[in-house]
């Protein structure tokens, strides 16, 4: 999608959607991708394996996060929603939330 080869709406069904592009456990010295994200009060960040987004969509992710009272409960809701929707892959979720105070 970043290079424009496939459209965002085609990404979930693209034949190469599960191709691993980077790995840290190779014979070479690992070079992780790094990014700095600044969260404003009330904002959050969801880090998840591809097992989450397969069965549920981004709208569902947003609703689970929005309707949770903590980062821990959001992560639990997200895993539960994905498993309930029939996740066929492992589901790993970490939620970071900037407190509003």
N, C-alpha and C. Protein backbone atom coordinates (compact mmCIF):
# COMPACT_ATOMS: atom_id res chain seq x y z
N UNK A 1 0.82 -1.19 0.00
CA UNK A 1 0.00 0.00 0.00
C UNK A 1 0.87 1.26 0.00
N UNK A 2 1.95 1.23 0.80
CA UNK A 2 2.81 2.42 0.87
C UNK A 2 3.38 2.79 -0.48
N UNK A 3 3.71 1.79 -1.27
CA UNK A 3 4.32 2.06 -2.58
C UNK A 3 3.28 2.31 -3.66
N UNK A 4 2.00 2.12 -3.34
CA UNK A 4 0.95 2.34 -4.31
C UNK A 4 0.66 1.16 -5.21
N UNK A 5 1.27 0.01 -4.93
CA UNK A 5 1.07 -1.17 -5.76
C UNK A 5 -0.32 -1.76 -5.54
N UNK A 6 -0.80 -1.72 -4.30
CA UNK A 6 -2.16 -2.19 -4.02
C UNK A 6 -2.94 -1.10 -3.30
N UNK A 7 -4.24 -1.14 -3.47
CA UNK A 7 -5.12 -0.16 -2.83
C UNK A 7 -5.45 -0.61 -1.41
N UNK A 8 -5.68 0.33 -0.48
CA UNK A 8 -6.02 -0.05 0.90
C UNK A 8 -7.21 -1.00 0.97
N UNK A 9 -8.21 -0.80 0.13
CA UNK A 9 -9.39 -1.67 0.18
C UNK A 9 -9.10 -3.10 -0.31
N UNK A 10 -7.97 -3.30 -1.00
CA UNK A 10 -7.59 -4.63 -1.48
C UNK A 10 -6.62 -5.34 -0.53
N UNK A 11 -6.10 -4.63 0.46
CA UNK A 11 -5.06 -5.19 1.32
C UNK A 11 -5.51 -6.42 2.09
N UNK A 12 -6.73 -6.43 2.60
CA UNK A 12 -7.17 -7.55 3.43
C UNK A 12 -7.35 -8.85 2.65
N UNK A 13 -7.48 -8.77 1.34
CA UNK A 13 -7.66 -9.99 0.54
C UNK A 13 -6.49 -10.24 -0.42
N UNK A 14 -5.45 -9.44 -0.36
CA UNK A 14 -4.31 -9.58 -1.26
C UNK A 14 -3.56 -10.89 -0.98
N UNK A 15 -3.11 -11.56 -2.02
CA UNK A 15 -2.41 -12.84 -1.88
C UNK A 15 -1.15 -12.74 -1.04
N UNK A 16 -0.49 -11.58 -1.01
CA UNK A 16 0.74 -11.42 -0.26
C UNK A 16 0.57 -10.79 1.11
N UNK A 17 -0.66 -10.79 1.63
CA UNK A 17 -0.91 -10.07 2.89
C UNK A 17 -0.20 -10.68 4.09
N UNK A 18 0.22 -11.95 4.01
CA UNK A 18 0.87 -12.59 5.15
C UNK A 18 2.37 -12.78 4.93
N UNK A 19 2.91 -12.15 3.91
CA UNK A 19 4.33 -12.28 3.62
C UNK A 19 5.12 -11.45 4.62
N UNK A 20 6.08 -12.07 5.26
CA UNK A 20 6.93 -11.41 6.23
C UNK A 20 7.96 -10.55 5.51
N UNK A 21 7.96 -9.26 5.78
CA UNK A 21 8.88 -8.34 5.10
C UNK A 21 10.13 -8.06 5.91
N UNK A 22 10.03 -8.11 7.22
CA UNK A 22 11.18 -7.87 8.09
C UNK A 22 11.16 -8.89 9.21
N UNK A 23 12.35 -9.32 9.65
CA UNK A 23 12.45 -10.25 10.76
C UNK A 23 13.64 -9.86 11.62
N UNK A 24 13.51 -10.00 12.92
CA UNK A 24 14.60 -9.67 13.83
C UNK A 24 15.48 -10.88 14.12
N UNK A 25 14.99 -12.07 13.88
CA UNK A 25 15.75 -13.28 14.21
C UNK A 25 16.43 -13.85 12.97
N UNK A 26 17.22 -13.05 12.30
CA UNK A 26 17.96 -13.52 11.14
C UNK A 26 19.43 -13.67 11.52
N UNK A 27 20.24 -14.12 10.58
CA UNK A 27 21.66 -14.29 10.86
C UNK A 27 22.40 -12.97 10.87
N UNK A 28 21.81 -11.95 10.34
CA UNK A 28 22.43 -10.63 10.32
C UNK A 28 22.10 -9.88 11.61
N UNK A 29 22.81 -8.81 11.84
CA UNK A 29 22.52 -7.95 12.99
C UNK A 29 21.14 -7.33 12.78
N UNK A 30 20.22 -7.48 13.74
CA UNK A 30 18.87 -6.95 13.54
C UNK A 30 18.84 -5.43 13.49
N UNK A 31 18.01 -4.90 12.61
CA UNK A 31 17.80 -3.46 12.49
C UNK A 31 16.29 -3.20 12.57
N UNK A 32 15.79 -3.02 13.77
CA UNK A 32 14.34 -2.83 13.90
C UNK A 32 13.89 -1.50 13.30
N UNK A 33 12.66 -1.47 12.82
CA UNK A 33 12.06 -0.22 12.37
C UNK A 33 11.65 0.55 13.61
N UNK A 34 12.01 1.80 13.67
CA UNK A 34 11.67 2.63 14.82
C UNK A 34 10.83 3.82 14.38
N UNK A 35 9.89 4.21 15.22
CA UNK A 35 9.08 5.39 14.95
C UNK A 35 8.75 6.05 16.28
N UNK A 36 8.72 7.34 16.28
CA UNK A 36 8.35 8.08 17.48
C UNK A 36 6.93 8.59 17.30
N UNK A 37 6.11 8.33 18.30
CA UNK A 37 4.71 8.75 18.25
C UNK A 37 4.44 9.58 19.50
N UNK A 38 3.85 10.73 19.33
CA UNK A 38 3.48 11.57 20.46
C UNK A 38 1.98 11.46 20.67
N UNK A 39 1.59 10.99 21.84
CA UNK A 39 0.18 10.86 22.16
C UNK A 39 -0.27 12.05 23.00
N UNK A 40 -1.37 12.62 22.61
CA UNK A 40 -1.99 13.69 23.38
C UNK A 40 -2.86 13.06 24.46
N UNK A 41 -3.16 13.78 25.54
CA UNK A 41 -4.05 13.23 26.57
C UNK A 41 -5.35 12.70 25.95
N UNK A 42 -5.71 11.48 26.33
CA UNK A 42 -6.91 10.85 25.82
C UNK A 42 -6.69 9.99 24.59
N UNK A 43 -5.53 10.10 23.96
CA UNK A 43 -5.24 9.29 22.77
C UNK A 43 -4.60 7.97 23.19
N UNK A 44 -4.62 7.01 22.28
CA UNK A 44 -4.03 5.72 22.56
C UNK A 44 -3.41 5.13 21.32
N UNK A 45 -2.75 4.00 21.51
CA UNK A 45 -2.09 3.30 20.43
C UNK A 45 -2.33 1.80 20.62
N UNK A 46 -2.77 1.13 19.56
CA UNK A 46 -3.00 -0.31 19.60
C UNK A 46 -1.94 -0.98 18.74
N UNK A 47 -1.19 -1.89 19.34
CA UNK A 47 -0.20 -2.70 18.64
C UNK A 47 -0.74 -4.12 18.65
N UNK A 48 -0.85 -4.74 17.47
CA UNK A 48 -1.47 -6.06 17.43
C UNK A 48 -0.89 -6.93 16.32
N UNK A 49 -1.02 -8.22 16.52
CA UNK A 49 -0.65 -9.18 15.47
C UNK A 49 -1.75 -9.18 14.42
N UNK A 50 -1.44 -9.78 13.27
CA UNK A 50 -2.43 -9.80 12.19
C UNK A 50 -3.66 -10.64 12.53
N UNK A 51 -3.59 -11.45 13.58
CA UNK A 51 -4.75 -12.22 14.00
C UNK A 51 -5.90 -11.36 14.48
N UNK A 52 -5.62 -10.13 14.88
CA UNK A 52 -6.68 -9.24 15.35
C UNK A 52 -7.52 -8.71 14.20
N UNK A 53 -6.88 -8.19 13.19
CA UNK A 53 -7.59 -7.47 12.11
C UNK A 53 -8.27 -8.41 11.13
N UNK A 54 -7.87 -9.66 11.05
CA UNK A 54 -8.54 -10.59 10.14
C UNK A 54 -10.04 -10.72 10.42
N UNK A 55 -10.41 -11.13 11.64
CA UNK A 55 -11.82 -11.35 11.93
C UNK A 55 -12.62 -10.08 12.23
N UNK A 56 -11.98 -9.05 12.74
CA UNK A 56 -12.70 -7.81 13.03
C UNK A 56 -12.06 -6.67 12.25
N UNK A 57 -12.81 -5.65 11.98
CA UNK A 57 -12.30 -4.52 11.21
C UNK A 57 -11.81 -3.38 12.08
N UNK A 58 -11.29 -2.36 11.44
CA UNK A 58 -10.78 -1.20 12.17
C UNK A 58 -11.88 -0.47 12.94
N UNK A 59 -13.10 -0.47 12.41
CA UNK A 59 -14.21 0.16 13.13
C UNK A 59 -14.47 -0.57 14.43
N UNK A 60 -14.39 -1.90 14.41
CA UNK A 60 -14.57 -2.69 15.63
C UNK A 60 -13.45 -2.42 16.63
N UNK A 61 -12.23 -2.27 16.13
CA UNK A 61 -11.10 -1.95 17.01
C UNK A 61 -11.36 -0.62 17.70
N UNK A 62 -11.77 0.36 16.93
CA UNK A 62 -12.06 1.69 17.49
C UNK A 62 -13.16 1.59 18.55
N UNK A 63 -14.24 0.87 18.27
CA UNK A 63 -15.35 0.76 19.22
C UNK A 63 -14.91 0.07 20.51
N UNK A 64 -14.11 -1.00 20.41
CA UNK A 64 -13.62 -1.68 21.61
C UNK A 64 -12.78 -0.74 22.46
N UNK A 65 -11.89 0.01 21.80
CA UNK A 65 -11.02 0.93 22.55
C UNK A 65 -11.84 2.06 23.17
N UNK A 66 -12.74 2.62 22.39
CA UNK A 66 -13.56 3.75 22.84
C UNK A 66 -14.46 3.37 24.01
N UNK A 67 -14.95 2.15 24.03
CA UNK A 67 -15.88 1.70 25.07
C UNK A 67 -15.20 1.03 26.25
N UNK A 68 -13.89 1.14 26.35
CA UNK A 68 -13.15 0.56 27.46
C UNK A 68 -12.70 1.65 28.41
N UNK A 69 -12.62 1.30 29.70
CA UNK A 69 -12.23 2.30 30.69
C UNK A 69 -10.74 2.29 31.01
N UNK A 70 -9.99 1.36 30.40
CA UNK A 70 -8.55 1.32 30.61
C UNK A 70 -7.88 0.63 29.42
N UNK A 71 -6.57 0.77 29.34
CA UNK A 71 -5.82 0.12 28.26
C UNK A 71 -5.93 -1.40 28.41
N UNK A 72 -5.87 -1.90 29.65
CA UNK A 72 -5.95 -3.34 29.88
C UNK A 72 -7.30 -3.90 29.45
N UNK A 73 -8.38 -3.20 29.78
CA UNK A 73 -9.70 -3.71 29.39
C UNK A 73 -9.89 -3.60 27.88
N UNK A 74 -9.30 -2.60 27.25
CA UNK A 74 -9.38 -2.48 25.79
C UNK A 74 -8.69 -3.66 25.13
N UNK A 75 -7.51 -4.03 25.63
CA UNK A 75 -6.78 -5.17 25.07
C UNK A 75 -7.58 -6.45 25.24
N UNK A 76 -8.16 -6.64 26.43
CA UNK A 76 -8.98 -7.83 26.68
C UNK A 76 -10.19 -7.87 25.75
N UNK A 77 -10.86 -6.74 25.58
CA UNK A 77 -12.02 -6.67 24.68
C UNK A 77 -11.63 -6.99 23.24
N UNK A 78 -10.50 -6.45 22.81
CA UNK A 78 -10.06 -6.68 21.43
C UNK A 78 -9.74 -8.15 21.17
N UNK A 79 -9.02 -8.78 22.08
CA UNK A 79 -8.71 -10.19 21.92
C UNK A 79 -10.01 -11.00 21.94
N UNK A 80 -10.88 -10.70 22.89
CA UNK A 80 -12.16 -11.41 22.99
C UNK A 80 -13.01 -11.26 21.74
N UNK A 81 -13.09 -10.04 21.20
CA UNK A 81 -13.90 -9.80 20.00
C UNK A 81 -13.34 -10.56 18.81
N UNK A 82 -12.03 -10.60 18.69
CA UNK A 82 -11.41 -11.30 17.57
C UNK A 82 -11.62 -12.81 17.67
N UNK A 83 -11.43 -13.35 18.86
CA UNK A 83 -11.62 -14.79 19.07
C UNK A 83 -13.10 -15.15 18.84
N UNK A 84 -14.00 -14.33 19.37
CA UNK A 84 -15.43 -14.57 19.19
C UNK A 84 -15.84 -14.52 17.71
N UNK A 85 -15.15 -13.67 16.94
CA UNK A 85 -15.46 -13.54 15.51
C UNK A 85 -14.81 -14.65 14.68
N UNK A 86 -14.10 -15.57 15.35
CA UNK A 86 -13.55 -16.72 14.63
C UNK A 86 -12.10 -16.60 14.22
N UNK A 87 -11.29 -15.89 14.99
CA UNK A 87 -9.87 -15.75 14.67
C UNK A 87 -9.24 -17.12 14.43
N UNK A 88 -8.55 -17.25 13.30
CA UNK A 88 -7.90 -18.52 12.98
C UNK A 88 -6.39 -18.44 13.19
N UNK A 89 -5.91 -17.29 13.63
CA UNK A 89 -4.49 -17.07 13.87
C UNK A 89 -4.34 -16.60 15.32
N UNK A 90 -3.11 -16.59 15.82
CA UNK A 90 -2.93 -16.08 17.18
C UNK A 90 -3.28 -14.59 17.22
N UNK A 91 -3.78 -14.15 18.36
CA UNK A 91 -4.19 -12.75 18.53
C UNK A 91 -3.39 -12.18 19.70
N UNK A 92 -2.53 -11.23 19.39
CA UNK A 92 -1.73 -10.57 20.40
C UNK A 92 -2.01 -9.08 20.32
N UNK A 93 -2.32 -8.47 21.47
CA UNK A 93 -2.68 -7.05 21.48
C UNK A 93 -2.02 -6.36 22.66
N UNK A 94 -1.46 -5.18 22.40
CA UNK A 94 -0.97 -4.30 23.46
C UNK A 94 -1.60 -2.93 23.20
N UNK A 95 -2.13 -2.34 24.26
CA UNK A 95 -2.78 -1.04 24.14
C UNK A 95 -2.06 -0.05 25.05
N UNK A 96 -1.67 1.07 24.50
CA UNK A 96 -1.08 2.16 25.26
C UNK A 96 -2.08 3.30 25.27
N UNK A 97 -2.25 3.92 26.41
CA UNK A 97 -3.21 5.02 26.51
C UNK A 97 -2.62 6.15 27.33
N UNK A 98 -2.66 7.35 26.78
CA UNK A 98 -2.20 8.54 27.50
C UNK A 98 -3.33 8.97 28.42
N UNK A 99 -3.05 9.05 29.71
CA UNK A 99 -4.10 9.43 30.65
C UNK A 99 -4.55 10.86 30.37
N UNK A 100 -5.78 11.16 30.71
CA UNK A 100 -6.34 12.48 30.45
C UNK A 100 -6.04 13.46 31.56
N UNK A 101 -5.36 13.02 32.62
CA UNK A 101 -5.05 13.95 33.72
C UNK A 101 -3.60 14.36 33.67
